[in-house]
Amino acid sequence: MWRAFVAFNATISRWCMYVAVAGLIGIVTTVALQVFGRYVLNDTPTWAESTALVLILYVTMLGAAVGVRDAGHIGLESLLILVPDGLRLKLEVVIHVLVGTFGLIMAWNGAVLAESVMAYKIPTLGLPEGINHLPLVIAGILIALFSLEHIVALWRDEDVIPSWH
């Protein structure tokens, strides 16, 4: 069961990065079209800015979740080196519990926020305003899931292998 959980998390993490890279390409393309429209055609596409902003939210939140799994986030490793091994293990578990708790709180409040504005439309896109807040929900759930993987790996005295290896 543990191996399946690790494989699932690695796959989800990898696909989040694929989506984030595609989103980055979308941002660059959208902004390039916006600049071309503004300065060459003197007619800026109305949807370009809103699209780029939505894409930025998804890229940022998915990237943050992957950073938690692949240990790419800011950590306290420099301080943890100074403490004894037994205490270091306990502190690492506390850190992952706090990060996972933050993820769950972020997911919950993101869902409340998304639901509260879902009836409103993004004027230039015609899409529900709530799609701007769904990345909080997705990333929060993934952060909690990835933190749980780190906690179990610490208890099993294993390392979480980044999804890119």
C-alpha atoms as a PDB file:
ATOM      1  CA  MET A   1       0.000   0.000   0.000  1.00  0.00           C
ATOM      2  CA  TRP A   2       2.861   2.376   0.858  1.00  0.00           C
ATOM      3  CA  ARG A   3       4.533   1.859  -2.532  1.00  0.00           C
ATOM      4  CA  ALA A   4       1.241   2.575  -4.312  1.00  0.00           C
ATOM      5  CA  PHE A   5       0.825   5.776  -2.274  1.00  0.00           C
ATOM      6  CA  VAL A   6       4.358   6.904  -3.151  1.00  0.00           C
ATOM      7  CA  ALA A   7       3.850   6.061  -6.840  1.00  0.00           C
ATOM      8  CA  PHE A   8       0.527   7.938  -6.851  1.00  0.00           C
ATOM      9  CA  ASN A   9       2.103  11.025  -5.273  1.00  0.00           C
ATOM     10  CA  ALA A  10       5.062  10.934  -7.653  1.00  0.00           C
ATOM     11  CA  THR A  11       2.736  10.680 -10.648  1.00  0.00           C
ATOM     12  CA  ILE A  12       0.493  13.501  -9.430  1.00  0.00           C
ATOM     13  CA  SER A  13       3.542  15.644  -8.691  1.00  0.00           C
ATOM     14  CA  ARG A  14       5.017  15.009 -12.129  1.00  0.00           C
ATOM     15  CA  TRP A  15       1.722  15.842 -13.865  1.00  0.00           C
ATOM     16  CA  CYS A  16       1.388  19.019 -11.815  1.00  0.00           C
ATOM     17  CA  MET A  17       4.761  20.102 -13.145  1.00  0.00           C
ATOM     18  CA  TYR A  18       3.737  19.246 -16.716  1.00  0.00           C
ATOM     19  CA  VAL A  19       0.612  21.366 -16.282  1.00  0.00           C
ATOM     20  CA  ALA A  20       2.646  24.167 -14.698  1.00  0.00           C
ATOM     21  CA  VAL A  21       5.115  24.164 -17.603  1.00  0.00           C
ATOM     22  CA  ALA A  22       2.236  24.213 -20.084  1.00  0.00           C
ATOM     23  CA  GLY A  23       0.787  27.106 -18.073  1.00  0.00           C
ATOM     24  CA  LEU A  24       4.085  28.975 -18.286  1.00  0.00           C
ATOM     25  CA  ILE A  25       4.096  28.510 -22.038  1.00  0.00           C
ATOM     26  CA  GLY A  26       0.508  29.758 -22.078  1.00  0.00           C
ATOM     27  CA  ILE A  27       1.470  32.827 -20.040  1.00  0.00           C
ATOM     28  CA  VAL A  28       4.350  33.688 -22.354  1.00  0.00           C
ATOM     29  CA  THR A  29       2.170  33.190 -25.435  1.00  0.00           C
ATOM     30  CA  THR A  30      -0.700  35.214 -24.005  1.00  0.00           C
ATOM     31  CA  VAL A  31       1.504  38.100 -22.932  1.00  0.00           C
ATOM     32  CA  ALA A  32       3.286  38.070 -26.316  1.00  0.00           C
ATOM     33  CA  LEU A  33      -0.089  38.254 -28.074  1.00  0.00           C
ATOM     34  CA  GLN A  34      -1.116  41.069 -25.776  1.00  0.00           C
ATOM     35  CA  VAL A  35       2.044  43.063 -26.511  1.00  0.00           C
ATOM     36  CA  PHE A  36       1.765  42.374 -30.248  1.00  0.00           C
ATOM     37  CA  GLY A  37      -1.876  43.439 -30.236  1.00  0.00           C
ATOM     38  CA  ARG A  38      -1.180  46.588 -28.257  1.00  0.00           C
ATOM     39  CA  TYR A  39       1.914  47.858 -30.058  1.00  0.00           C
ATOM     40  CA  VAL A  40       1.597  46.433 -33.564  1.00  0.00           C
ATOM     41  CA  LEU A  41      -2.135  46.158 -34.179  1.00  0.00           C
ATOM     42  CA  ASN A  42      -3.130  48.933 -31.770  1.00  0.00           C
ATOM     43  CA  ASP A  43      -5.908  46.570 -30.649  1.00  0.00           C
ATOM     44  CA  THR A  44      -5.222  44.641 -27.438  1.00  0.00           C
ATOM     45  CA  PRO A  45      -7.103  41.351 -27.061  1.00  0.00           C
ATOM     46  CA  THR A  46      -9.502  41.863 -24.162  1.00  0.00           C
ATOM     47  CA  TRP A  47      -9.074  38.333 -22.862  1.00  0.00           C
ATOM     48  CA  ALA A  48      -5.261  38.296 -22.730  1.00  0.00           C
ATOM     49  CA  GLU A  49      -4.635  39.923 -19.361  1.00  0.00           C
ATOM     50  CA  SER A  50      -7.316  37.932 -17.536  1.00  0.00           C
ATOM     51  CA  THR A  51      -6.094  34.697 -19.087  1.00  0.00           C
ATOM     52  CA  ALA A  52      -2.517  35.382 -18.025  1.00  0.00           C
ATOM     53  CA  LEU A  53      -3.650  36.137 -14.463  1.00  0.00           C
ATOM     54  CA  VAL A  54      -5.639  32.902 -14.210  1.00  0.00           C
ATOM     55  CA  LEU A  55      -2.694  30.920 -15.587  1.00  0.00           C
ATOM     56  CA  ILE A  56      -0.314  32.543 -13.087  1.00  0.00           C
ATOM     57  CA  LEU A  57      -2.505  31.370 -10.209  1.00  0.00           C
ATOM     58  CA  TYR A  58      -2.481  27.763 -11.428  1.00  0.00           C
ATOM     59  CA  VAL A  59       1.255  27.725 -12.210  1.00  0.00           C
ATOM     60  CA  THR A  60       2.138  29.200  -8.826  1.00  0.00           C
ATOM     61  CA  MET A  61      -0.071  26.957  -6.724  1.00  0.00           C
ATOM     62  CA  LEU A  62       0.798  23.719  -8.546  1.00  0.00           C
ATOM     63  CA  GLY A  63       4.482  24.611  -8.368  1.00  0.00           C
ATOM     64  CA  ALA A  64       4.187  25.265  -4.628  1.00  0.00           C
ATOM     65  CA  ALA A  65       2.583  21.867  -4.049  1.00  0.00           C
ATOM     66  CA  VAL A  66       5.311  20.112  -6.024  1.00  0.00           C
ATOM     67  CA  GLY A  67       7.888  22.079  -4.051  1.00  0.00           C
ATOM     68  CA  VAL A  68       6.514  20.554  -0.852  1.00  0.00           C
ATOM     69  CA  ARG A  69       6.799  17.014  -2.189  1.00  0.00           C
ATOM     70  CA  ASP A  70      10.195  17.410  -3.806  1.00  0.00           C
ATOM     71  CA  ALA A  71      11.565  19.387  -0.820  1.00  0.00           C
ATOM     72  CA  GLY A  72      12.058  22.465  -2.967  1.00  0.00           C
ATOM     73  CA  HIS A  73      10.457  24.763  -0.420  1.00  0.00           C
ATOM     74  CA  ILE A  74      12.262  26.878   2.119  1.00  0.00           C
ATOM     75  CA  GLY A  75      13.098  24.684   5.071  1.00  0.00           C
ATOM     76  CA  LEU A  76      14.884  24.792   8.365  1.00  0.00           C
ATOM     77  CA  GLU A  77      17.578  22.308   7.418  1.00  0.00           C
ATOM     78  CA  SER A  78      20.382  24.633   8.468  1.00  0.00           C
ATOM     79  CA  LEU A  79      18.989  24.738  12.009  1.00  0.00           C
ATOM     80  CA  LEU A  80      18.080  21.054  12.072  1.00  0.00           C
ATOM     81  CA  ILE A  81      21.694  20.047  11.429  1.00  0.00           C
ATOM     82  CA  LEU A  82      22.612  21.477  14.816  1.00  0.00           C
ATOM     83  CA  VAL A  83      20.250  19.300  16.864  1.00  0.00           C
ATOM     84  CA  PRO A  84      20.657  15.640  17.860  1.00  0.00           C
ATOM     85  CA  ASP A  85      19.206  13.003  15.512  1.00  0.00           C
ATOM     86  CA  GLY A  86      16.287  12.038  17.772  1.00  0.00           C
ATOM     87  CA  LEU A  87      15.171  15.640  18.170  1.00  0.00           C
ATOM     88  CA  ARG A  88      15.733  16.354  14.489  1.00  0.00           C
ATOM     89  CA  LEU A  89      13.334  13.565  13.493  1.00  0.00           C
ATOM     90  CA  LYS A  90      10.682  14.935  15.841  1.00  0.00           C
ATOM     91  CA  LEU A  91      11.160  18.490  14.544  1.00  0.00           C
ATOM     92  CA  GLU A  92      10.933  17.322  10.941  1.00  0.00           C
ATOM     93  CA  VAL A  93       7.643  15.577  11.712  1.00  0.00           C
ATOM     94  CA  VAL A  94       6.351  18.747  13.419  1.00  0.00           C
ATOM     95  CA  ILE A  95       7.350  20.811  10.384  1.00  0.00           C
ATOM     96  CA  HIS A  96       5.544  18.467   7.988  1.00  0.00           C
ATOM     97  CA  VAL A  97       2.469  18.383  10.251  1.00  0.00           C
ATOM     98  CA  LEU A  98       2.402  22.191  10.252  1.00  0.00           C
ATOM     99  CA  VAL A  99       2.847  22.365   6.464  1.00  0.00           C
ATOM    100  CA  GLY A 100       0.121  19.748   5.958  1.00  0.00           C
ATOM    101  CA  THR A 101      -2.198  21.606   8.323  1.00  0.00           C
ATOM    102  CA  PHE A 102      -1.543  24.802   6.403  1.00  0.00           C
ATOM    103  CA  GLY A 103      -2.443  22.949   3.192  1.00  0.00           C
ATOM    104  CA  LEU A 104      -5.739  21.734   4.634  1.00  0.00           C
ATOM    105  CA  ILE A 105      -6.625  25.204   5.924  1.00  0.00           C
ATOM    106  CA  MET A 106      -5.710  26.689   2.544  1.00  0.00           C
ATOM    107  CA  ALA A 107      -7.876  24.115   0.740  1.00  0.00           C
ATOM    108  CA  TRP A 108     -10.849  24.682   3.032  1.00  0.00           C
ATOM    109  CA  ASN A 109     -10.749  28.468   2.861  1.00  0.00           C
ATOM    110  CA  GLY A 110     -10.052  28.395  -0.866  1.00  0.00           C
ATOM    111  CA  ALA A 111     -13.158  26.246  -1.343  1.00  0.00           C
ATOM    112  CA  VAL A 112     -15.254  28.637   0.741  1.00  0.00           C
ATOM    113  CA  LEU A 113     -13.931  31.588  -1.239  1.00  0.00           C
ATOM    114  CA  ALA A 114     -14.392  29.866  -4.610  1.00  0.00           C
ATOM    115  CA  GLU A 115     -17.945  28.904  -3.742  1.00  0.00           C
ATOM    116  CA  SER A 116     -18.773  32.426  -2.598  1.00  0.00           C
ATOM    117  CA  VAL A 117     -17.771  34.016  -5.919  1.00  0.00           C
ATOM    118  CA  MET A 118     -18.699  31.223  -8.336  1.00  0.00           C
ATOM    119  CA  ALA A 119     -21.865  33.061  -9.406  1.00  0.00           C
ATOM    120  CA  TYR A 120     -19.828  36.031 -10.640  1.00  0.00           C
ATOM    121  CA  LYS A 121     -18.187  36.048 -14.059  1.00  0.00           C
ATOM    122  CA  ILE A 122     -14.744  37.218 -15.127  1.00  0.00           C
ATOM    123  CA  PRO A 123     -15.986  39.861 -17.577  1.00  0.00           C
ATOM    124  CA  THR A 124     -13.386  39.374 -20.313  1.00  0.00           C
ATOM    125  CA  LEU A 125     -13.483  35.568 -20.194  1.00  0.00           C
ATOM    126  CA  GLY A 126     -17.068  34.782 -19.287  1.00  0.00           C
ATOM    127  CA  LEU A 127     -15.838  32.160 -16.833  1.00  0.00           C
ATOM    128  CA  PRO A 128     -16.864  31.924 -13.175  1.00  0.00           C
ATOM    129  CA  GLU A 129     -14.732  34.023 -10.821  1.00  0.00           C
ATOM    130  CA  GLY A 130     -14.375  30.939  -8.624  1.00  0.00           C
ATOM    131  CA  ILE A 131     -11.853  29.396 -11.030  1.00  0.00           C
ATOM    132  CA  ASN A 132      -9.345  31.931  -9.697  1.00  0.00           C
ATOM    133  CA  HIS A 133      -9.600  30.290  -6.271  1.00  0.00           C
ATOM    134  CA  LEU A 134      -9.691  26.612  -7.245  1.00  0.00           C
ATOM    135  CA  PRO A 135      -5.866  26.429  -7.380  1.00  0.00           C
ATOM    136  CA  LEU A 136      -5.874  27.099  -3.624  1.00  0.00           C
ATOM    137  CA  VAL A 137      -8.085  24.060  -3.108  1.00  0.00           C
ATOM    138  CA  ILE A 138      -6.087  21.798  -5.417  1.00  0.00           C
ATOM    139  CA  ALA A 139      -2.705  22.880  -4.059  1.00  0.00           C
ATOM    140  CA  GLY A 140      -3.888  22.715  -0.455  1.00  0.00           C
ATOM    141  CA  ILE A 141      -5.049  19.131  -0.824  1.00  0.00           C
ATOM    142  CA  LEU A 142      -1.821  18.180  -2.588  1.00  0.00           C
ATOM    143  CA  ILE A 143       0.310  19.911   0.055  1.00  0.00           C
ATOM    144  CA  ALA A 144      -1.476  17.937   2.779  1.00  0.00           C
ATOM    145  CA  LEU A 145      -1.094  14.698   0.813  1.00  0.00           C
ATOM    146  CA  PHE A 146       2.594  15.301   0.127  1.00  0.00           C
ATOM    147  CA  SER A 147       3.225  16.273   3.760  1.00  0.00           C
ATOM    148  CA  LEU A 148       1.627  13.012   4.875  1.00  0.00           C
ATOM    149  CA  GLU A 149       3.997  11.158   2.546  1.00  0.00           C
ATOM    150  CA  HIS A 150       6.976  12.897   4.179  1.00  0.00           C
ATOM    151  CA  ILE A 151       5.733  12.058   7.688  1.00  0.00           C
ATOM    152  CA  VAL A 152       5.271   8.372   6.869  1.00  0.00           C
ATOM    153  CA  ALA A 153       8.648   8.286   5.100  1.00  0.00           C
ATOM    154  CA  LEU A 154      10.304   9.737   8.209  1.00  0.00           C
ATOM    155  CA  TRP A 155       8.663   7.076  10.395  1.00  0.00           C
ATOM    156  CA  ARG A 156       9.812   4.393   7.969  1.00  0.00           C
ATOM    157  CA  ASP A 157      13.325   5.920   7.850  1.00  0.00           C
ATOM    158  CA  GLU A 158      13.057   6.417   4.082  1.00  0.00           C
ATOM    159  CA  ASP A 159      13.618   9.352   1.783  1.00  0.00           C
ATOM    160  CA  VAL A 160      10.965  10.805  -0.484  1.00  0.00           C
ATOM    161  CA  ILE A 161      12.447  10.530  -3.952  1.00  0.00           C
ATOM    162  CA  PRO A 162      11.675  13.651  -6.029  1.00  0.00           C
ATOM    163  CA  SER A 163       9.285  12.878  -8.843  1.00  0.00           C
ATOM    164  CA  TRP A 164      11.876  13.883 -11.445  1.00  0.00           C
ATOM    165  CA  HIS A 165      14.298  11.050 -10.618  1.00  0.00           C
END
